[in-house]
Amino acid sequence: MATYHVKFPNYLDGYEAETEAKGYLVGVVVSAGNRSFELTVYDQARLVQELDDELDSDRAYFAVPNLLVVRSVTRVEILRAVEALAKGNFQELRASPVE
C-alpha cells in the first residue's frame, strides 16, 4: 500500500456537521510521494442533485476531476475511501506534481 498524507481544508474545522449535511467538500488533498491529488467529495444524494441540475442546464454535462463519492461526507468516511484508493496506489485518480 502506498504511503500517503491527507490534508483537509482548514475551513472544515468546526463545520463538520454542516459539511456532512450539505453533502459535499472540495479541497481535500492527498499527497503520496511526488504525487498530489485534490479531491472533490460528494455523498450520493448531493451528487444526484448536482447531476440533475447540471444536465438540466445549458451546460448539459457534469465533469469533475478526482471525484470521490462516499456514504456521508465525514472525515471517517473520506479517510476510509482514501485508504482503499491507496491499496491500488491511487490508480483511479489524476495526479498533479507536489509543489
N, C-alpha and C. Protein backbone atom coordinates (compact mmCIF):
# COMPACT_ATOMS: atom_id res chain seq x y z
N MET A 1 0.84 -1.18 0.00
CA MET A 1 0.00 0.00 0.00
C MET A 1 0.88 1.24 0.00
N ALA A 2 0.47 2.24 -0.77
CA ALA A 2 1.22 3.49 -0.88
C ALA A 2 1.15 4.27 0.44
N THR A 3 2.26 4.91 0.80
CA THR A 3 2.28 5.80 1.95
C THR A 3 1.70 7.14 1.51
N TYR A 4 0.86 7.73 2.33
CA TYR A 4 0.18 8.95 1.92
C TYR A 4 -0.14 9.82 3.13
N HIS A 5 -0.52 11.06 2.84
CA HIS A 5 -0.95 12.01 3.85
C HIS A 5 -2.21 12.71 3.33
N VAL A 6 -3.21 12.87 4.19
CA VAL A 6 -4.45 13.54 3.82
C VAL A 6 -4.54 14.87 4.55
N LYS A 7 -4.79 15.94 3.78
CA LYS A 7 -4.97 17.27 4.36
C LYS A 7 -6.38 17.74 4.03
N PHE A 8 -7.13 18.00 5.08
CA PHE A 8 -8.47 18.53 4.92
C PHE A 8 -8.39 20.06 4.88
N PRO A 9 -9.34 20.71 4.21
CA PRO A 9 -9.33 22.18 4.19
C PRO A 9 -9.44 22.75 5.60
N ASN A 10 -8.74 23.84 5.84
CA ASN A 10 -8.77 24.47 7.16
C ASN A 10 -10.18 24.88 7.57
N TYR A 11 -10.98 25.29 6.61
CA TYR A 11 -12.33 25.75 6.93
C TYR A 11 -13.24 24.64 7.45
N LEU A 12 -12.83 23.39 7.34
CA LEU A 12 -13.65 22.27 7.81
C LEU A 12 -13.72 22.23 9.33
N ASP A 13 -12.66 22.66 10.00
CA ASP A 13 -12.62 22.62 11.46
C ASP A 13 -13.80 23.39 12.05
N GLY A 14 -14.62 22.70 12.82
CA GLY A 14 -15.77 23.33 13.44
C GLY A 14 -17.03 23.31 12.58
N TYR A 15 -16.90 22.88 11.33
CA TYR A 15 -18.05 22.87 10.42
C TYR A 15 -18.32 21.47 9.86
N GLU A 16 -17.88 20.45 10.58
CA GLU A 16 -18.06 19.08 10.10
C GLU A 16 -19.53 18.72 9.93
N ALA A 17 -20.37 19.10 10.88
CA ALA A 17 -21.80 18.77 10.80
C ALA A 17 -22.46 19.46 9.60
N GLU A 18 -22.12 20.72 9.37
CA GLU A 18 -22.68 21.45 8.25
C GLU A 18 -22.22 20.85 6.92
N THR A 19 -20.95 20.47 6.87
CA THR A 19 -20.40 19.86 5.65
C THR A 19 -21.08 18.53 5.37
N GLU A 20 -21.27 17.73 6.39
CA GLU A 20 -21.96 16.45 6.21
C GLU A 20 -23.39 16.68 5.72
N ALA A 21 -24.06 17.67 6.28
CA ALA A 21 -25.44 17.96 5.87
C ALA A 21 -25.52 18.46 4.43
N LYS A 22 -24.54 19.24 4.00
CA LYS A 22 -24.51 19.74 2.62
C LYS A 22 -24.19 18.62 1.63
N GLY A 23 -23.40 17.66 2.07
CA GLY A 23 -23.11 16.51 1.22
C GLY A 23 -21.99 16.69 0.23
N TYR A 24 -21.16 17.70 0.42
CA TYR A 24 -20.00 17.85 -0.46
C TYR A 24 -18.88 18.60 0.25
N LEU A 25 -17.67 18.37 -0.26
CA LEU A 25 -16.48 19.01 0.29
C LEU A 25 -15.45 19.10 -0.82
N VAL A 26 -14.90 20.26 -1.03
CA VAL A 26 -13.83 20.44 -2.02
C VAL A 26 -12.53 20.76 -1.30
N GLY A 27 -11.42 20.44 -1.95
CA GLY A 27 -10.13 20.82 -1.41
C GLY A 27 -9.46 19.83 -0.49
N VAL A 28 -9.90 18.58 -0.48
CA VAL A 28 -9.18 17.55 0.28
C VAL A 28 -7.97 17.16 -0.57
N VAL A 29 -6.78 17.24 0.01
CA VAL A 29 -5.56 16.95 -0.75
C VAL A 29 -4.89 15.71 -0.18
N VAL A 30 -4.62 14.77 -1.07
CA VAL A 30 -3.90 13.56 -0.70
C VAL A 30 -2.53 13.65 -1.35
N SER A 31 -1.48 13.51 -0.54
CA SER A 31 -0.10 13.51 -1.04
C SER A 31 0.48 12.13 -0.86
N ALA A 32 1.10 11.63 -1.92
CA ALA A 32 1.74 10.31 -1.89
C ALA A 32 3.03 10.40 -2.70
N GLY A 33 4.15 10.46 -1.99
CA GLY A 33 5.43 10.61 -2.69
C GLY A 33 5.47 11.94 -3.42
N ASN A 34 5.78 11.89 -4.72
CA ASN A 34 5.85 13.12 -5.51
C ASN A 34 4.52 13.41 -6.22
N ARG A 35 3.46 12.77 -5.78
CA ARG A 35 2.13 12.98 -6.39
C ARG A 35 1.19 13.64 -5.39
N SER A 36 0.30 14.43 -5.93
CA SER A 36 -0.71 15.09 -5.11
C SER A 36 -2.04 14.98 -5.84
N PHE A 37 -3.10 14.73 -5.09
CA PHE A 37 -4.43 14.58 -5.66
C PHE A 37 -5.39 15.49 -4.90
N GLU A 38 -6.05 16.40 -5.60
CA GLU A 38 -7.06 17.22 -4.95
C GLU A 38 -8.41 16.60 -5.23
N LEU A 39 -9.12 16.26 -4.16
CA LEU A 39 -10.38 15.55 -4.27
C LEU A 39 -11.57 16.47 -4.10
N THR A 40 -12.62 16.17 -4.83
CA THR A 40 -13.94 16.75 -4.62
C THR A 40 -14.81 15.61 -4.12
N VAL A 41 -15.39 15.77 -2.94
CA VAL A 41 -16.10 14.68 -2.28
C VAL A 41 -17.60 15.00 -2.22
N TYR A 42 -18.40 14.01 -2.61
CA TYR A 42 -19.86 14.13 -2.57
C TYR A 42 -20.43 12.89 -1.89
N ASP A 43 -21.61 13.06 -1.28
CA ASP A 43 -22.39 11.89 -0.92
C ASP A 43 -23.35 11.62 -2.08
N GLN A 44 -23.99 10.47 -2.07
CA GLN A 44 -24.81 10.06 -3.20
C GLN A 44 -25.97 11.03 -3.47
N ALA A 45 -26.65 11.44 -2.41
CA ALA A 45 -27.82 12.32 -2.59
C ALA A 45 -27.42 13.65 -3.23
N ARG A 46 -26.34 14.25 -2.74
CA ARG A 46 -25.90 15.53 -3.29
C ARG A 46 -25.41 15.38 -4.72
N LEU A 47 -24.74 14.27 -5.02
CA LEU A 47 -24.26 14.03 -6.38
C LEU A 47 -25.44 13.95 -7.35
N VAL A 48 -26.50 13.24 -6.97
CA VAL A 48 -27.68 13.14 -7.83
C VAL A 48 -28.28 14.53 -8.06
N GLN A 49 -28.34 15.36 -7.02
CA GLN A 49 -28.84 16.73 -7.17
C GLN A 49 -27.98 17.52 -8.16
N GLU A 50 -26.67 17.42 -8.01
CA GLU A 50 -25.75 18.14 -8.90
C GLU A 50 -25.91 17.67 -10.34
N LEU A 51 -26.00 16.35 -10.52
CA LEU A 51 -26.18 15.81 -11.87
C LEU A 51 -27.46 16.32 -12.50
N ASP A 52 -28.54 16.27 -11.74
CA ASP A 52 -29.82 16.76 -12.26
C ASP A 52 -29.72 18.24 -12.65
N ASP A 53 -29.14 19.05 -11.77
CA ASP A 53 -29.02 20.48 -12.04
C ASP A 53 -28.16 20.75 -13.28
N GLU A 54 -27.02 20.10 -13.36
CA GLU A 54 -26.11 20.35 -14.48
C GLU A 54 -26.67 19.84 -15.80
N LEU A 55 -27.29 18.68 -15.78
CA LEU A 55 -27.82 18.11 -17.03
C LEU A 55 -29.06 18.87 -17.52
N ASP A 56 -29.75 19.53 -16.61
CA ASP A 56 -30.91 20.34 -16.99
C ASP A 56 -30.51 21.76 -17.39
N SER A 57 -29.26 22.12 -17.21
CA SER A 57 -28.79 23.48 -17.53
C SER A 57 -28.33 23.55 -18.98
N ASP A 58 -27.94 24.74 -19.38
CA ASP A 58 -27.38 24.92 -20.73
C ASP A 58 -26.08 24.16 -20.91
N ARG A 59 -25.40 23.91 -19.82
CA ARG A 59 -24.11 23.20 -19.87
C ARG A 59 -24.30 21.76 -20.31
N ALA A 60 -25.29 21.09 -19.77
CA ALA A 60 -25.70 19.73 -20.17
C ALA A 60 -24.64 18.65 -19.97
N TYR A 61 -23.72 18.86 -19.06
CA TYR A 61 -22.77 17.80 -18.68
C TYR A 61 -22.26 18.08 -17.28
N PHE A 62 -21.61 17.08 -16.70
CA PHE A 62 -21.01 17.22 -15.37
C PHE A 62 -19.67 16.52 -15.40
N ALA A 63 -18.60 17.25 -15.17
CA ALA A 63 -17.26 16.67 -15.18
C ALA A 63 -16.46 17.28 -14.03
N VAL A 64 -15.94 16.42 -13.17
CA VAL A 64 -15.14 16.86 -12.03
C VAL A 64 -13.96 15.90 -11.90
N PRO A 65 -12.73 16.40 -12.01
CA PRO A 65 -11.59 15.52 -11.81
C PRO A 65 -11.51 15.05 -10.36
N ASN A 66 -11.07 13.83 -10.19
CA ASN A 66 -10.87 13.26 -8.85
C ASN A 66 -12.11 13.34 -7.97
N LEU A 67 -13.24 13.00 -8.56
CA LEU A 67 -14.49 12.94 -7.83
C LEU A 67 -14.51 11.69 -6.95
N LEU A 68 -14.81 11.89 -5.69
CA LEU A 68 -14.89 10.79 -4.73
C LEU A 68 -16.29 10.80 -4.12
N VAL A 69 -17.00 9.69 -4.26
CA VAL A 69 -18.35 9.58 -3.72
C VAL A 69 -18.30 8.65 -2.52
N VAL A 70 -18.80 9.13 -1.39
CA VAL A 70 -18.79 8.37 -0.14
C VAL A 70 -20.21 8.33 0.43
N ARG A 71 -20.42 7.46 1.41
CA ARG A 71 -21.76 7.35 2.03
C ARG A 71 -22.18 8.64 2.69
N SER A 72 -21.26 9.23 3.44
CA SER A 72 -21.52 10.53 4.05
C SER A 72 -20.20 11.30 4.06
N VAL A 73 -20.31 12.61 3.95
CA VAL A 73 -19.12 13.45 3.84
C VAL A 73 -18.61 13.76 5.24
N THR A 74 -17.87 12.80 5.79
CA THR A 74 -17.24 12.94 7.10
C THR A 74 -15.76 12.58 6.95
N ARG A 75 -14.96 13.03 7.90
CA ARG A 75 -13.54 12.67 7.87
C ARG A 75 -13.36 11.16 7.86
N VAL A 76 -14.13 10.46 8.69
CA VAL A 76 -14.00 9.00 8.80
C VAL A 76 -14.27 8.33 7.45
N GLU A 77 -15.36 8.71 6.80
CA GLU A 77 -15.70 8.09 5.51
C GLU A 77 -14.69 8.45 4.43
N ILE A 78 -14.23 9.69 4.43
CA ILE A 78 -13.24 10.11 3.44
C ILE A 78 -11.93 9.36 3.65
N LEU A 79 -11.49 9.26 4.90
CA LEU A 79 -10.24 8.54 5.19
C LEU A 79 -10.36 7.06 4.83
N ARG A 80 -11.52 6.47 5.06
CA ARG A 80 -11.75 5.08 4.69
C ARG A 80 -11.62 4.90 3.17
N ALA A 81 -12.20 5.81 2.41
CA ALA A 81 -12.12 5.73 0.95
C ALA A 81 -10.69 5.95 0.46
N VAL A 82 -9.99 6.90 1.05
CA VAL A 82 -8.61 7.16 0.65
C VAL A 82 -7.73 5.95 0.96
N GLU A 83 -7.96 5.30 2.08
CA GLU A 83 -7.20 4.09 2.40
C GLU A 83 -7.41 3.02 1.33
N ALA A 84 -8.65 2.86 0.88
CA ALA A 84 -8.93 1.89 -0.19
C ALA A 84 -8.24 2.29 -1.49
N LEU A 85 -8.24 3.58 -1.81
CA LEU A 85 -7.55 4.06 -3.01
C LEU A 85 -6.04 3.82 -2.91
N ALA A 86 -5.49 3.98 -1.72
CA ALA A 86 -4.05 3.78 -1.51
C ALA A 86 -3.65 2.33 -1.79
N LYS A 87 -4.53 1.39 -1.48
CA LYS A 87 -4.22 -0.02 -1.74
C LYS A 87 -4.01 -0.28 -3.23
N GLY A 88 -4.63 0.54 -4.07
CA GLY A 88 -4.44 0.44 -5.52
C GLY A 88 -3.47 1.47 -6.05
N ASN A 89 -2.68 2.06 -5.14
CA ASN A 89 -1.68 3.07 -5.49
C ASN A 89 -2.30 4.28 -6.19
N PHE A 90 -3.54 4.59 -5.83
CA PHE A 90 -4.25 5.76 -6.34
C PHE A 90 -4.41 5.74 -7.86
N GLN A 91 -4.50 4.56 -8.45
CA GLN A 91 -4.62 4.42 -9.91
C GLN A 91 -5.82 5.17 -10.48
N GLU A 92 -6.91 5.26 -9.72
CA GLU A 92 -8.14 5.86 -10.22
C GLU A 92 -8.09 7.38 -10.28
N LEU A 93 -7.06 7.99 -9.69
CA LEU A 93 -7.01 9.44 -9.57
C LEU A 93 -6.01 10.05 -10.55
N ARG A 94 -6.24 11.32 -10.86
CA ARG A 94 -5.33 12.08 -11.72
C ARG A 94 -4.41 12.91 -10.82
N ALA A 95 -3.13 12.72 -10.96
CA ALA A 95 -2.15 13.38 -10.08
C ALA A 95 -1.67 14.69 -10.65
N SER A 96 -1.30 15.58 -9.73
CA SER A 96 -0.59 16.82 -10.05
C SER A 96 0.72 16.76 -9.30
N PRO A 97 1.81 17.30 -9.86
CA PRO A 97 3.08 17.29 -9.13
C PRO A 97 2.96 18.06 -7.81
N VAL A 98 3.60 17.57 -6.77
CA VAL A 98 3.63 18.27 -5.48
C VAL A 98 4.54 19.48 -5.64
N GLU A 99 4.02 20.64 -5.21
CA GLU A 99 4.82 21.87 -5.33
C GLU A 99 5.71 22.05 -4.15
